[in-house]
Protein backbone atom coordinates (compact mmCIF):
# COMPACT_ATOMS: atom_id res chain seq x y z
CA THR A 1 0.00 0.00 0.00
CA VAL A 2 1.01 3.64 -0.32
CA SER A 3 1.23 4.03 3.46
CA GLY A 4 3.51 1.03 3.78
CA TYR A 5 1.02 -0.89 5.92
CA ARG A 6 -0.60 -4.18 5.08
CA TYR A 7 -4.12 -4.98 6.15
CA TYR A 8 -5.36 -8.48 6.94
CA SER A 9 -8.80 -9.76 7.79
CA ASP A 10 -9.40 -11.60 11.07
CA GLU A 11 -9.82 -14.81 9.08
CA GLN A 12 -6.41 -14.37 7.41
CA LEU A 13 -4.73 -13.57 10.72
CA ASN A 14 -6.36 -16.54 12.46
CA GLN A 15 -5.23 -18.83 9.64
CA VAL A 16 -1.59 -17.66 9.90
CA ILE A 17 -1.39 -17.98 13.69
CA ASN A 18 -3.46 -21.19 13.59
CA VAL A 19 -6.33 -19.95 15.76
CA LYS A 20 -9.65 -21.64 15.16
CA PRO A 21 -12.60 -19.25 15.00
CA LYS A 22 -15.07 -19.34 17.86
CA ASN A 23 -18.21 -21.35 17.35
CA ARG A 24 -20.56 -18.73 16.03
CA ILE A 25 -24.26 -19.37 16.02
CA THR A 26 -27.34 -18.56 14.01
CA ILE A 27 -29.97 -16.44 15.73
CA GLY A 28 -33.59 -16.32 14.66
CA TYR A 29 -35.05 -12.91 15.51
CA CYS A 30 -38.82 -12.47 15.82
CA ARG A 31 -40.77 -9.32 16.74
CA VAL A 32 -44.32 -8.04 17.00
CA SER A 33 -45.48 -4.53 17.82
CA SER A 34 -47.80 -5.20 20.76
CA HIS A 35 -48.86 -7.78 23.33
CA LYS A 36 -52.13 -8.18 21.39
CA GLN A 37 -50.06 -9.85 18.65
CA LYS A 38 -48.57 -12.52 20.90
CA ASP A 39 -50.20 -15.27 18.78
CA ASP A 40 -48.47 -13.85 15.70
CA LEU A 41 -45.17 -13.86 17.60
CA GLU A 42 -45.62 -17.56 18.37
CA ARG A 43 -46.35 -18.26 14.68
CA GLN A 44 -43.24 -16.32 13.66
CA ILE A 45 -41.11 -18.26 16.14
CA ASP A 46 -42.54 -21.58 14.90
CA ASN A 47 -41.89 -20.63 11.25
CA VAL A 48 -38.30 -19.53 11.93
CA LYS A 49 -37.63 -22.65 14.04
CA THR A 50 -39.02 -24.92 11.31
CA TYR A 51 -36.90 -23.17 8.69
CA LEU A 52 -33.69 -23.42 10.74
CA LEU A 53 -34.34 -27.04 11.75
CA ALA A 54 -34.79 -27.92 8.07
CA LYS A 55 -31.41 -26.33 7.35
CA GLY A 56 -29.86 -28.38 10.16
CA GLN A 57 -28.25 -25.37 11.79
CA PRO A 58 -27.85 -24.97 15.54
CA PHE A 59 -29.67 -21.81 16.52
CA GLU A 60 -31.18 -19.65 19.22
CA ILE A 61 -34.32 -17.53 19.06
CA ILE A 62 -34.49 -13.95 20.31
CA SER A 63 -37.93 -12.37 20.38
CA ASP A 64 -39.23 -8.88 21.13
CA ILE A 65 -42.52 -7.15 21.65
CA GLY A 66 -42.27 -3.51 20.68
CA SER A 67 -42.38 -0.96 17.90
CA GLY A 68 -40.21 -1.50 14.85
CA ILE A 69 -38.83 2.02 15.24
CA ASN A 70 -37.82 1.48 18.86
CA TYR A 71 -34.09 0.75 18.96
CA LYS A 72 -34.13 0.15 22.72
CA LYS A 73 -35.88 -3.21 22.66
CA LYS A 74 -34.10 -5.67 24.92
CA GLY A 75 -33.88 -8.43 22.31
CA LEU A 76 -32.62 -6.12 19.55
CA GLN A 77 -29.92 -4.74 21.83
CA GLU A 78 -28.92 -8.29 22.82
CA LEU A 79 -28.71 -9.24 19.14
CA ILE A 80 -26.53 -6.23 18.26
CA ARG A 81 -24.29 -6.86 21.30
CA ARG A 82 -23.75 -10.48 20.32
CA ILE A 83 -23.07 -9.56 16.70
CA SER A 84 -20.49 -7.00 17.83
CA GLN A 85 -18.84 -9.64 20.02
CA ASN A 86 -18.47 -11.81 16.91
CA GLN A 87 -20.71 -14.53 18.37
CA VAL A 88 -23.24 -14.59 15.52
CA GLU A 89 -22.69 -16.12 12.10
CA LYS A 90 -26.18 -15.45 10.76
CA VAL A 91 -29.39 -13.68 11.75
CA VAL A 92 -32.59 -15.10 10.30
CA VAL A 93 -35.84 -13.11 10.22
CA LEU A 94 -39.18 -14.03 8.68
CA TYR A 95 -39.71 -10.59 7.11
CA LYS A 96 -37.31 -7.67 6.66
CA ASP A 97 -39.49 -5.32 8.74
CA ARG A 98 -39.41 -7.70 11.73
CA LEU A 99 -35.84 -6.61 12.47
CA LEU A 100 -36.50 -2.86 12.16
CA LEU A 101 -38.95 -0.76 10.21
CA PHE A 102 -36.36 1.89 9.44
CA GLY A 103 -32.63 1.40 9.65
CA PHE A 104 -32.45 -2.19 8.41
CA GLU A 105 -29.51 -1.24 6.19
CA LEU A 106 -27.62 0.08 9.22
CA ILE A 107 -28.04 -3.20 11.11
CA GLU A 108 -27.08 -5.06 7.94
CA TYR A 109 -23.91 -2.95 7.66
CA ILE A 110 -23.00 -3.50 11.33
CA ALA A 111 -23.51 -7.24 10.85
CA SER A 112 -21.28 -7.23 7.75
CA LEU A 113 -18.45 -5.66 9.79
CA TYR A 114 -18.46 -8.86 11.87
CA ASN A 115 -18.93 -11.24 8.92
CA CYS A 116 -22.51 -11.86 10.02
CA GLU A 117 -25.10 -12.54 7.35
CA ILE A 118 -28.74 -11.45 7.63
CA GLU A 119 -31.14 -13.84 5.94
CA ILE A 120 -34.76 -12.98 5.25
CA ILE A 121 -37.00 -16.03 4.86
CA ASP A 122 -39.89 -14.33 3.02
CA ASN A 123 -38.06 -11.87 0.82
CA THR A 124 -40.94 -11.14 -1.54
CA GLU A 125 -39.93 -8.24 -3.75
CA LYS A 126 -42.14 -5.18 -3.38
CA SER A 127 -42.42 -2.26 -5.74
CA GLU A 128 -41.05 1.07 -4.58
CA GLN A 129 -44.63 2.35 -4.39
CA GLN A 130 -45.70 -0.59 -2.16
CA GLU A 131 -42.76 0.06 0.17
CA LEU A 132 -43.57 3.78 0.40
CA VAL A 133 -47.24 3.07 1.16
CA GLU A 134 -46.27 0.54 3.86
CA ASP A 135 -43.75 2.97 5.37
CA LEU A 136 -46.38 5.74 5.48
CA VAL A 137 -48.92 3.43 7.10
CA GLN A 138 -46.35 2.37 9.70
CA ILE A 139 -45.37 5.98 10.46
CA ILE A 140 -49.01 7.01 10.83
CA THR A 141 -49.68 3.98 13.05
CA VAL A 142 -46.75 4.77 15.34
CA PHE A 143 -47.71 8.42 15.74
CA SER A 144 -51.40 7.67 16.22
CA CYS A 145 -50.46 5.22 18.99
CA LYS A 146 -48.32 7.90 20.63
CA LEU A 147 -51.19 10.37 20.32
CA GLN A 148 -53.64 7.85 21.81
CA GLY A 149 -51.19 7.26 24.66
CA LYS A 150 -50.99 10.99 25.37
CA ARG A 151 -54.78 11.28 25.29
CA ALA A 152 -55.11 8.32 27.64
CA ASN A 153 -52.57 9.83 30.04
CA LYS A 154 -54.35 13.19 29.90
CA ALA A 155 -57.68 11.49 30.67
CA LYS A 156 -56.15 9.53 33.58
CA LYS A 157 -54.66 12.73 35.00
CA LEU A 158 -58.02 14.50 34.72
CA ILE A 159 -59.77 11.59 36.49
CA ARG A 160 -57.17 11.64 39.29
CA GLU A 161 -57.65 15.40 39.71
CA LEU A 162 -61.44 15.00 39.85
CA ILE A 163 -61.14 12.21 42.42
CA GLN A 164 -58.75 14.35 44.46
CA GLU A 165 -61.13 17.32 44.30
CA GLU A 166 -64.02 15.06 45.33
CA THR A 167 -61.98 13.63 48.21
CA ASP A 168 -60.89 17.11 49.29
CA GLY A 169 -64.49 18.34 49.07
CA LYS A 170 -65.73 15.48 51.27
CA SER A 171 -63.01 16.07 53.85
CA HIS A 172 -63.84 19.81 53.95
CA LYS A 173 -67.53 18.97 54.33
CA SER A 174 -66.89 16.44 57.12
CA ASN A 175 -64.61 18.96 58.86
CA ALA A 176 -67.37 21.58 58.64
CA ASP A 177 -69.96 19.08 59.98
CA THR A 178 -67.66 18.18 62.88
CA LYS A 179 -67.00 21.85 63.65
CA GLN A 180 -70.75 22.62 63.56
CA ARG A 181 -71.52 19.74 65.96
CA THR A 182 -68.87 20.84 68.44
CA GLU A 183 -70.24 24.38 68.43
CA ASN A 184 -73.76 23.17 69.27
């Protein structure tokens, strides 16, 4: 090279110094957006397990319940950690959007840095228009859920305030009744 340095991959270095690579595993990753979809999560897990068993690969399953735009899901973070520790040879997902709704390419790039392949079982090609429509629907769904959550929290707060006012009103009334009785 121009700089006078030579660069070697981990595989090349391990071959020269006769180090056998660690046993890396395949991880099946399954995700649904909410607890209401738990049945769908079980179906996903069954489908991924069946697929991996048919391939004869040793594997583990990591599953998550949470939004596809939430990067803080416990299972996703575990998956990324294990990829970055070079423990994972392959990640298998049923559909591309089960890993992440947005940012799939970033996870794919991170995985490639550690020679980890991401395999999508149902990789049905979609037109650009179909993908855009699905992305818009997902964005609207996420924000409407957030809005519903804010409305629900606002309603709960209002109910608590009304209950508190009612409780305070009763205690003032009972204090007034007690005071009136003691005066008589």
